[in-house]
PDB file of all heavy atoms in Angstrom:
ATOM      1  N   ASN A   1      18.012   0.707  -0.894  1.00  0.00           N
ATOM      2  CA  ASN A   1      17.771   0.164  -2.219  1.00  0.00           C
ATOM      3  C   ASN A   1      18.049  -1.351  -2.308  1.00  0.00           C
ATOM      4  O   ASN A   1      17.522  -2.075  -3.097  1.00  0.00           O
ATOM      5  CB  ASN A   1      18.614   0.915  -3.268  1.00  0.00           C
ATOM      6  CG  ASN A   1      17.786   1.993  -3.948  1.00  0.00           C
ATOM      7  OD1 ASN A   1      16.551   1.997  -3.960  1.00  0.00           O
ATOM      8  ND2 ASN A   1      18.446   2.989  -4.518  1.00  0.00           N
ATOM      9  N   ILE A   2      18.941  -1.818  -1.405  1.00  0.00           N
ATOM     10  CA  ILE A   2      19.103  -3.280  -1.251  1.00  0.00           C
ATOM     11  C   ILE A   2      17.790  -3.885  -0.824  1.00  0.00           C
ATOM     12  O   ILE A   2      17.385  -4.887  -1.371  1.00  0.00           O
ATOM     13  CB  ILE A   2      20.223  -3.577  -0.258  1.00  0.00           C
ATOM     14  CG1 ILE A   2      21.600  -3.199  -0.836  1.00  0.00           C
ATOM     15  CG2 ILE A   2      20.260  -5.064   0.136  1.00  0.00           C
ATOM     16  CD1 ILE A   2      22.738  -3.281   0.157  1.00  0.00           C
ATOM     17  N   ALA A   3      17.091  -3.230   0.134  1.00  0.00           N
ATOM     18  CA  ALA A   3      15.829  -3.720   0.596  1.00  0.00           C
ATOM     19  C   ALA A   3      14.808  -3.672  -0.531  1.00  0.00           C
ATOM     20  O   ALA A   3      13.997  -4.518  -0.733  1.00  0.00           O
ATOM     21  CB  ALA A   3      15.357  -2.917   1.767  1.00  0.00           C
ATOM     22  N   ASN A   4      14.833  -2.557  -1.323  1.00  0.00           N
ATOM     23  CA  ASN A   4      13.935  -2.461  -2.499  1.00  0.00           C
ATOM     24  C   ASN A   4      14.053  -3.603  -3.452  1.00  0.00           C
ATOM     25  O   ASN A   4      13.123  -4.166  -3.989  1.00  0.00           O
ATOM     26  CB  ASN A   4      14.175  -1.126  -3.198  1.00  0.00           C
ATOM     27  CG  ASN A   4      13.668   0.059  -2.420  1.00  0.00           C
ATOM     28  OD1 ASN A   4      12.930  -0.040  -1.424  1.00  0.00           O
ATOM     29  ND2 ASN A   4      14.141   1.267  -2.789  1.00  0.00           N
ATOM     30  N   ALA A   5      15.379  -3.920  -3.670  1.00  0.00           N
ATOM     31  CA  ALA A   5      15.679  -5.033  -4.552  1.00  0.00           C
ATOM     32  C   ALA A   5      15.195  -6.392  -3.989  1.00  0.00           C
ATOM     33  O   ALA A   5      14.499  -7.152  -4.732  1.00  0.00           O
ATOM     34  CB  ALA A   5      17.128  -5.109  -4.825  1.00  0.00           C
ATOM     35  N   TYR A   6      15.372  -6.591  -2.719  1.00  0.00           N
ATOM     36  CA  TYR A   6      14.901  -7.800  -2.069  1.00  0.00           C
ATOM     37  C   TYR A   6      13.369  -7.903  -2.202  1.00  0.00           C
ATOM     38  O   TYR A   6      12.817  -8.986  -2.527  1.00  0.00           O
ATOM     39  CB  TYR A   6      15.241  -7.805  -0.580  1.00  0.00           C
ATOM     40  CG  TYR A   6      16.682  -8.078  -0.272  1.00  0.00           C
ATOM     41  CD1 TYR A   6      17.272  -7.619   0.896  1.00  0.00           C
ATOM     42  CD2 TYR A   6      17.554  -8.760  -1.172  1.00  0.00           C
ATOM     43  CE1 TYR A   6      18.581  -7.875   1.217  1.00  0.00           C
ATOM     44  CE2 TYR A   6      18.856  -9.028  -0.889  1.00  0.00           C
ATOM     45  CZ  TYR A   6      19.377  -8.553   0.304  1.00  0.00           C
ATOM     46  OH  TYR A   6      20.716  -8.786   0.628  1.00  0.00           O
ATOM     47  N   ASP A   7      12.658  -6.789  -1.983  1.00  0.00           N
ATOM     48  CA  ASP A   7      11.213  -6.773  -2.043  1.00  0.00           C
ATOM     49  C   ASP A   7      10.734  -7.184  -3.402  1.00  0.00           C
ATOM     50  O   ASP A   7       9.817  -8.079  -3.576  1.00  0.00           O
ATOM     51  CB  ASP A   7      10.696  -5.373  -1.697  1.00  0.00           C
ATOM     52  CG  ASP A   7       9.171  -5.296  -1.726  1.00  0.00           C
ATOM     53  OD1 ASP A   7       8.518  -6.213  -1.180  1.00  0.00           O
ATOM     54  OD2 ASP A   7       8.674  -4.249  -2.222  1.00  0.00           O
ATOM     55  N   ASN A   8      11.329  -6.611  -4.458  1.00  0.00           N
ATOM     56  CA  ASN A   8      10.871  -6.939  -5.829  1.00  0.00           C
ATOM     57  C   ASN A   8      11.301  -8.273  -6.309  1.00  0.00           C
ATOM     58  O   ASN A   8      10.624  -8.900  -7.135  1.00  0.00           O
ATOM     59  CB  ASN A   8      11.264  -5.766  -6.735  1.00  0.00           C
ATOM     60  CG  ASN A   8      10.526  -4.533  -6.526  1.00  0.00           C
ATOM     61  OD1 ASN A   8       9.286  -4.473  -6.832  1.00  0.00           O
ATOM     62  ND2 ASN A   8      11.128  -3.515  -5.929  1.00  0.00           N
ATOM     63  N   ILE A   9      12.525  -8.719  -5.836  1.00  0.00           N
ATOM     64  CA  ILE A   9      12.896 -10.074  -6.206  1.00  0.00           C
ATOM     65  C   ILE A   9      11.940 -11.046  -5.544  1.00  0.00           C
ATOM     66  O   ILE A   9      11.555 -12.096  -6.191  1.00  0.00           O
ATOM     67  CB  ILE A   9      14.366 -10.338  -5.684  1.00  0.00           C
ATOM     68  CG1 ILE A   9      15.331  -9.545  -6.528  1.00  0.00           C
ATOM     69  CG2 ILE A   9      14.668 -11.836  -5.787  1.00  0.00           C
ATOM     70  CD1 ILE A   9      16.758  -9.535  -6.023  1.00  0.00           C
ATOM     71  N   GLY A  10      11.452 -10.771  -4.328  1.00  0.00           N
ATOM     72  CA  GLY A  10      10.470 -11.593  -3.709  1.00  0.00           C
ATOM     73  C   GLY A  10       9.184 -11.660  -4.566  1.00  0.00           C
ATOM     74  O   GLY A  10       8.605 -12.751  -4.719  1.00  0.00           O
ATOM     75  N   LEU A  11       8.745 -10.532  -5.084  1.00  0.00           N
ATOM     76  CA  LEU A  11       7.602 -10.497  -5.976  1.00  0.00           C
ATOM     77  C   LEU A  11       7.773 -11.397  -7.209  1.00  0.00           C
ATOM     78  O   LEU A  11       6.861 -12.077  -7.617  1.00  0.00           O
ATOM     79  CB  LEU A  11       7.264  -9.045  -6.382  1.00  0.00           C
ATOM     80  CG  LEU A  11       6.564  -8.180  -5.342  1.00  0.00           C
ATOM     81  CD1 LEU A  11       6.379  -6.789  -5.886  1.00  0.00           C
ATOM     82  CD2 LEU A  11       5.180  -8.781  -5.045  1.00  0.00           C
ATOM     83  N   THR A  12       8.926 -11.330  -7.794  1.00  0.00           N
ATOM     84  CA  THR A  12       9.177 -12.148  -9.018  1.00  0.00           C
ATOM     85  C   THR A  12       9.067 -13.644  -8.707  1.00  0.00           C
ATOM     86  O   THR A  12       8.554 -14.402  -9.458  1.00  0.00           O
ATOM     87  CB  THR A  12      10.502 -11.855  -9.667  1.00  0.00           C
ATOM     88  OG1 THR A  12      11.590 -12.118  -8.808  1.00  0.00           O
ATOM     89  CG2 THR A  12      10.635 -10.368 -10.100  1.00  0.00           C
ATOM     90  N   TYR A  13       9.575 -13.976  -7.490  1.00  0.00           N
ATOM     91  CA  TYR A  13       9.506 -15.397  -7.096  1.00  0.00           C
ATOM     92  C   TYR A  13       8.110 -15.854  -6.803  1.00  0.00           C
ATOM     93  O   TYR A  13       7.762 -17.036  -6.930  1.00  0.00           O
ATOM     94  CB  TYR A  13      10.469 -15.709  -5.932  1.00  0.00           C
ATOM     95  CG  TYR A  13      11.861 -15.917  -6.357  1.00  0.00           C
ATOM     96  CD1 TYR A  13      12.912 -15.079  -5.874  1.00  0.00           C
ATOM     97  CD2 TYR A  13      12.267 -16.835  -7.284  1.00  0.00           C
ATOM     98  CE1 TYR A  13      14.175 -15.203  -6.251  1.00  0.00           C
ATOM     99  CE2 TYR A  13      13.587 -16.992  -7.674  1.00  0.00           C
ATOM    100  CZ  TYR A  13      14.563 -16.206  -7.192  1.00  0.00           C
ATOM    101  OH  TYR A  13      15.834 -16.354  -7.530  1.00  0.00           O
ATOM    102  N   ILE A  14       7.236 -14.895  -6.361  1.00  0.00           N
ATOM    103  CA  ILE A  14       5.799 -15.266  -6.266  1.00  0.00           C
ATOM    104  C   ILE A  14       5.277 -15.660  -7.606  1.00  0.00           C
ATOM    105  O   ILE A  14       4.533 -16.660  -7.744  1.00  0.00           O
ATOM    106  CB  ILE A  14       5.007 -14.053  -5.693  1.00  0.00           C
ATOM    107  CG1 ILE A  14       5.348 -13.823  -4.237  1.00  0.00           C
ATOM    108  CG2 ILE A  14       3.504 -14.302  -5.780  1.00  0.00           C
ATOM    109  CD1 ILE A  14       4.713 -12.571  -3.593  1.00  0.00           C
ATOM    110  N   ASP A  15       5.602 -14.830  -8.642  1.00  0.00           N
ATOM    111  CA  ASP A  15       5.114 -15.139  -9.980  1.00  0.00           C
ATOM    112  C   ASP A  15       5.744 -16.459 -10.544  1.00  0.00           C
ATOM    113  O   ASP A  15       5.171 -17.085 -11.387  1.00  0.00           O
ATOM    114  CB  ASP A  15       5.472 -13.926 -10.906  1.00  0.00           C
ATOM    115  CG  ASP A  15       4.587 -12.764 -10.677  1.00  0.00           C
ATOM    116  OD1 ASP A  15       3.488 -12.966 -10.175  1.00  0.00           O
ATOM    117  OD2 ASP A  15       5.025 -11.647 -10.906  1.00  0.00           O
ATOM    118  N   TYR A  16       6.964 -16.742 -10.057  1.00  0.00           N
ATOM    119  CA  TYR A  16       7.611 -18.009 -10.466  1.00  0.00           C
ATOM    120  C   TYR A  16       7.079 -19.223  -9.637  1.00  0.00           C
ATOM    121  O   TYR A  16       7.531 -20.367  -9.850  1.00  0.00           O
ATOM    122  CB  TYR A  16       9.137 -17.950 -10.305  1.00  0.00           C
ATOM    123  CG  TYR A  16       9.864 -17.193 -11.397  1.00  0.00           C
ATOM    124  CD1 TYR A  16      10.772 -16.238 -11.094  1.00  0.00           C
ATOM    125  CD2 TYR A  16       9.643 -17.505 -12.749  1.00  0.00           C
ATOM    126  CE1 TYR A  16      11.460 -15.517 -12.150  1.00  0.00           C
ATOM    127  CE2 TYR A  16      10.323 -16.887 -13.745  1.00  0.00           C
ATOM    128  CZ  TYR A  16      11.217 -15.843 -13.410  1.00  0.00           C
ATOM    129  OH  TYR A  16      11.891 -15.186 -14.427  1.00  0.00           O
ATOM    130  N   ASN A  17       6.170 -18.935  -8.680  1.00  0.00           N
ATOM    131  CA  ASN A  17       5.579 -19.942  -7.796  1.00  0.00           C
ATOM    132  C   ASN A  17       6.695 -20.579  -6.927  1.00  0.00           C
ATOM    133  O   ASN A  17       6.539 -21.772  -6.500  1.00  0.00           O
ATOM    134  CB  ASN A  17       4.902 -21.022  -8.585  1.00  0.00           C
ATOM    135  CG  ASN A  17       3.636 -20.486  -9.279  1.00  0.00           C
ATOM    136  OD1 ASN A  17       2.872 -19.751  -8.667  1.00  0.00           O
ATOM    137  ND2 ASN A  17       3.423 -20.847 -10.543  1.00  0.00           N
ATOM    138  N   ASP A  18       7.700 -19.831  -6.584  1.00  0.00           N
ATOM    139  CA  ASP A  18       8.754 -20.320  -5.710  1.00  0.00           C
ATOM    140  C   ASP A  18       8.539 -19.669  -4.333  1.00  0.00           C
ATOM    141  O   ASP A  18       9.098 -18.622  -4.047  1.00  0.00           O
ATOM    142  CB  ASP A  18      10.163 -19.972  -6.251  1.00  0.00           C
ATOM    143  CG  ASP A  18      11.278 -20.681  -5.470  1.00  0.00           C
ATOM    144  OD1 ASP A  18      11.088 -20.980  -4.241  1.00  0.00           O
ATOM    145  OD2 ASP A  18      12.310 -20.995  -6.031  1.00  0.00           O
ATOM    146  N   THR A  19       7.714 -20.288  -3.482  1.00  0.00           N
ATOM    147  CA  THR A  19       7.275 -19.610  -2.267  1.00  0.00           C
ATOM    148  C   THR A  19       8.412 -19.537  -1.243  1.00  0.00           C
ATOM    149  O   THR A  19       8.492 -18.595  -0.439  1.00  0.00           O
ATOM    150  CB  THR A  19       6.085 -20.355  -1.614  1.00  0.00           C
ATOM    151  OG1 THR A  19       6.436 -21.742  -1.429  1.00  0.00           O
ATOM    152  CG2 THR A  19       4.891 -20.290  -2.566  1.00  0.00           C
ATOM    153  N   ILE A  20       9.298 -20.428  -1.299  1.00  0.00           N
ATOM    154  CA  ILE A  20      10.422 -20.427  -0.357  1.00  0.00           C
ATOM    155  C   ILE A  20      11.327 -19.240  -0.558  1.00  0.00           C
ATOM    156  O   ILE A  20      11.636 -18.478   0.378  1.00  0.00           O
ATOM    157  CB  ILE A  20      11.241 -21.780  -0.409  1.00  0.00           C
ATOM    158  CG1 ILE A  20      10.375 -22.945   0.018  1.00  0.00           C
ATOM    159  CG2 ILE A  20      12.507 -21.710   0.420  1.00  0.00           C
ATOM    160  CD1 ILE A  20      11.050 -24.347  -0.186  1.00  0.00           C
ATOM    161  N   LEU A  21      11.792 -19.089  -1.830  1.00  0.00           N
ATOM    162  CA  LEU A  21      12.637 -17.868  -2.103  1.00  0.00           C
ATOM    163  C   LEU A  21      11.892 -16.628  -1.943  1.00  0.00           C
ATOM    164  O   LEU A  21      12.409 -15.582  -1.529  1.00  0.00           O
ATOM    165  CB  LEU A  21      13.294 -18.053  -3.504  1.00  0.00           C
ATOM    166  CG  LEU A  21      14.471 -18.978  -3.601  1.00  0.00           C
ATOM    167  CD1 LEU A  21      14.939 -19.104  -5.008  1.00  0.00           C
ATOM    168  CD2 LEU A  21      15.602 -18.482  -2.723  1.00  0.00           C
ATOM    169  N   ALA A  22      10.600 -16.635  -2.350  1.00  0.00           N
ATOM    170  CA  ALA A  22       9.773 -15.418  -2.212  1.00  0.00           C
ATOM    171  C   ALA A  22       9.737 -14.911  -0.775  1.00  0.00           C
ATOM    172  O   ALA A  22       9.936 -13.740  -0.460  1.00  0.00           O
ATOM    173  CB  ALA A  22       8.383 -15.681  -2.759  1.00  0.00           C
ATOM    174  N   ARG A  23       9.465 -15.844   0.159  1.00  0.00           N
ATOM    175  CA  ARG A  23       9.428 -15.549   1.583  1.00  0.00           C
ATOM    176  C   ARG A  23      10.791 -15.041   2.044  1.00  0.00           C
ATOM    177  O   ARG A  23      10.882 -14.029   2.824  1.00  0.00           O
ATOM    178  CB  ARG A  23       9.001 -16.743   2.426  1.00  0.00           C
ATOM    179  CG  ARG A  23       7.549 -16.942   2.552  1.00  0.00           C
ATOM    180  CD  ARG A  23       7.175 -17.839   3.700  1.00  0.00           C
ATOM    181  NE  ARG A  23       5.774 -18.190   3.667  1.00  0.00           N
ATOM    182  CZ  ARG A  23       5.223 -19.216   2.990  1.00  0.00           C
ATOM    183  NH1 ARG A  23       6.024 -19.979   2.300  1.00  0.00           N
ATOM    184  NH2 ARG A  23       3.959 -19.415   3.015  1.00  0.00           N
ATOM    185  N   GLU A  24      11.836 -15.708   1.652  1.00  0.00           N
ATOM    186  CA  GLU A  24      13.169 -15.364   2.098  1.00  0.00           C
ATOM    187  C   GLU A  24      13.481 -13.890   1.730  1.00  0.00           C
ATOM    188  O   GLU A  24      13.998 -13.141   2.592  1.00  0.00           O
ATOM    189  CB  GLU A  24      14.221 -16.297   1.470  1.00  0.00           C
ATOM    190  CG  GLU A  24      15.670 -16.003   1.789  1.00  0.00           C
ATOM    191  CD  GLU A  24      16.622 -16.882   1.070  1.00  0.00           C
ATOM    192  OE1 GLU A  24      16.207 -18.103   0.757  1.00  0.00           O
ATOM    193  OE2 GLU A  24      17.761 -16.433   0.808  1.00  0.00           O
ATOM    194  N   TYR A  25      13.288 -13.525   0.524  1.00  0.00           N
ATOM    195  CA  TYR A  25      13.617 -12.174   0.046  1.00  0.00           C
ATOM    196  C   TYR A  25      12.711 -11.141   0.669  1.00  0.00           C
ATOM    197  O   TYR A  25      13.104 -10.053   1.038  1.00  0.00           O
ATOM    198  CB  TYR A  25      13.601 -12.085  -1.478  1.00  0.00           C
ATOM    199  CG  TYR A  25      14.870 -12.575  -2.076  1.00  0.00           C
ATOM    200  CD1 TYR A  25      14.982 -13.837  -2.632  1.00  0.00           C
ATOM    201  CD2 TYR A  25      15.997 -11.758  -2.074  1.00  0.00           C
ATOM    202  CE1 TYR A  25      16.141 -14.321  -3.192  1.00  0.00           C
ATOM    203  CE2 TYR A  25      17.237 -12.201  -2.641  1.00  0.00           C
ATOM    204  CZ  TYR A  25      17.258 -13.510  -3.193  1.00  0.00           C
ATOM    205  OH  TYR A  25      18.432 -13.953  -3.722  1.00  0.00           O
ATOM    206  N   LEU A  26      11.373 -11.436   0.826  1.00  0.00           N
ATOM    207  CA  LEU A  26      10.452 -10.486   1.389  1.00  0.00           C
ATOM    208  C   LEU A  26      10.801 -10.215   2.865  1.00  0.00           C
ATOM    209  O   LEU A  26      10.774  -9.087   3.302  1.00  0.00           O
ATOM    210  CB  LEU A  26       9.031 -10.951   1.285  1.00  0.00           C
ATOM    211  CG  LEU A  26       8.466 -10.917  -0.183  1.00  0.00           C
ATOM    212  CD1 LEU A  26       7.018 -11.541  -0.189  1.00  0.00           C
ATOM    213  CD2 LEU A  26       8.375  -9.469  -0.664  1.00  0.00           C
ATOM    214  N   TYR A  27      11.159 -11.237   3.592  1.00  0.00           N
ATOM    215  CA  TYR A  27      11.509 -11.062   5.009  1.00  0.00           C
ATOM    216  C   TYR A  27      12.815 -10.309   5.134  1.00  0.00           C
ATOM    217  O   TYR A  27      13.011  -9.519   6.122  1.00  0.00           O
ATOM    218  CB  TYR A  27      11.539 -12.388   5.748  1.00  0.00           C
ATOM    219  CG  TYR A  27      10.202 -12.927   6.241  1.00  0.00           C
ATOM    220  CD1 TYR A  27       9.630 -14.028   5.722  1.00  0.00           C
ATOM    221  CD2 TYR A  27       9.505 -12.114   7.213  1.00  0.00           C
ATOM    222  CE1 TYR A  27       8.363 -14.451   6.155  1.00  0.00           C
ATOM    223  CE2 TYR A  27       8.266 -12.531   7.645  1.00  0.00           C
ATOM    224  CZ  TYR A  27       7.708 -13.705   7.151  1.00  0.00           C
ATOM    225  OH  TYR A  27       6.440 -14.108   7.570  1.00  0.00           O
ATOM    226  N   LYS A  28      13.731 -10.488   4.211  1.00  0.00           N
ATOM    227  CA  LYS A  28      15.015  -9.673   4.262  1.00  0.00           C
ATOM    228  C   LYS A  28      14.625  -8.175   4.115  1.00  0.00           C
ATOM    229  O   LYS A  28      15.184  -7.336   4.827  1.00  0.00           O
ATOM    230  CB  LYS A  28      15.904 -10.108   3.101  1.00  0.00           C
ATOM    231  CG  LYS A  28      16.675 -11.363   3.322  1.00  0.00           C
ATOM    232  CD  LYS A  28      17.595 -11.645   2.108  1.00  0.00           C
ATOM    233  CE  LYS A  28      18.383 -12.873   2.296  1.00  0.00           C
ATOM    234  NZ  LYS A  28      19.255 -13.157   1.140  1.00  0.00           N
ATOM    235  N   ALA A  29      13.742  -7.896   3.186  1.00  0.00           N
ATOM    236  CA  ALA A  29      13.270  -6.480   2.939  1.00  0.00           C
ATOM    237  C   ALA A  29      12.579  -5.941   4.202  1.00  0.00           C
ATOM    238  O   ALA A  29      12.913  -4.820   4.666  1.00  0.00           O
ATOM    239  CB  ALA A  29      12.458  -6.383   1.757  1.00  0.00           C
ATOM    240  N   ILE A  30      11.709  -6.734   4.761  1.00  0.00           N
ATOM    241  CA  ILE A  30      10.965  -6.331   5.924  1.00  0.00           C
ATOM    242  C   ILE A  30      11.866  -6.030   7.098  1.00  0.00           C
ATOM    243  O   ILE A  30      11.690  -4.998   7.778  1.00  0.00           O
ATOM    244  CB  ILE A  30       9.888  -7.444   6.318  1.00  0.00           C
ATOM    245  CG1 ILE A  30       8.766  -7.433   5.296  1.00  0.00           C
ATOM    246  CG2 ILE A  30       9.376  -7.210   7.762  1.00  0.00           C
ATOM    247  CD1 ILE A  30       7.870  -8.636   5.374  1.00  0.00           C
ATOM    248  N   ASP A  31      12.910  -6.856   7.289  1.00  0.00           N
ATOM    249  CA  ASP A  31      13.773  -6.629   8.463  1.00  0.00           C
ATOM    250  C   ASP A  31      14.545  -5.308   8.270  1.00  0.00           C
ATOM    251  O   ASP A  31      14.745  -4.568   9.271  1.00  0.00           O
ATOM    252  CB  ASP A  31      14.832  -7.770   8.500  1.00  0.00           C
ATOM    253  CG  ASP A  31      14.204  -9.057   9.092  1.00  0.00           C
ATOM    254  OD1 ASP A  31      13.129  -8.973   9.677  1.00  0.00           O
ATOM    255  OD2 ASP A  31      14.782 -10.144   8.874  1.00  0.00           O
ATOM    256  N   ILE A  32      14.949  -4.989   7.086  1.00  0.00           N
ATOM    257  CA  ILE A  32      15.691  -3.765   6.856  1.00  0.00           C
ATOM    258  C   ILE A  32      14.777  -2.526   7.010  1.00  0.00           C
ATOM    259  O   ILE A  32      15.106  -1.571   7.729  1.00  0.00           O
ATOM    260  CB  ILE A  32      16.304  -3.749   5.429  1.00  0.00           C
ATOM    261  CG1 ILE A  32      17.435  -4.749   5.298  1.00  0.00           C
ATOM    262  CG2 ILE A  32      16.861  -2.309   5.066  1.00  0.00           C
ATOM    263  CD1 ILE A  32      17.956  -4.921   3.881  1.00  0.00           C
ATOM    264  N   TYR A  33      13.583  -2.605   6.466  1.00  0.00           N
ATOM    265  CA  TYR A  33      12.631  -1.481   6.606  1.00  0.00           C
ATOM    266  C   TYR A  33      12.259  -1.221   8.033  1.00  0.00           C
ATOM    267  O   TYR A  33      12.171  -0.105   8.447  1.00  0.00           O
ATOM    268  CB  TYR A  33      11.407  -1.723   5.709  1.00  0.00           C
ATOM    269  CG  TYR A  33      11.614  -1.682   4.245  1.00  0.00           C
ATOM    270  CD1 TYR A  33      10.960  -2.500   3.366  1.00  0.00           C
ATOM    271  CD2 TYR A  33      12.459  -0.723   3.732  1.00  0.00           C
ATOM    272  CE1 TYR A  33      11.187  -2.459   2.027  1.00  0.00           C
ATOM    273  CE2 TYR A  33      12.723  -0.662   2.330  1.00  0.00           C
ATOM    274  CZ  TYR A  33      12.070  -1.584   1.498  1.00  0.00           C
ATOM    275  OH  TYR A  33      12.255  -1.484   0.116  1.00  0.00           O
TER     276      TYR A  33
END
C-alpha cells in the first residue's frame, strides 16, 4: 500500500505538471512492485 500511495501521488504530480516529483514517486512504486 506504500507503493500504491507512491503510484497515485505520482499521478497527481502529473496533473500538477511536476514531472520531476511524478517520476520520483512512480519509480519508487515500480521498484517495490
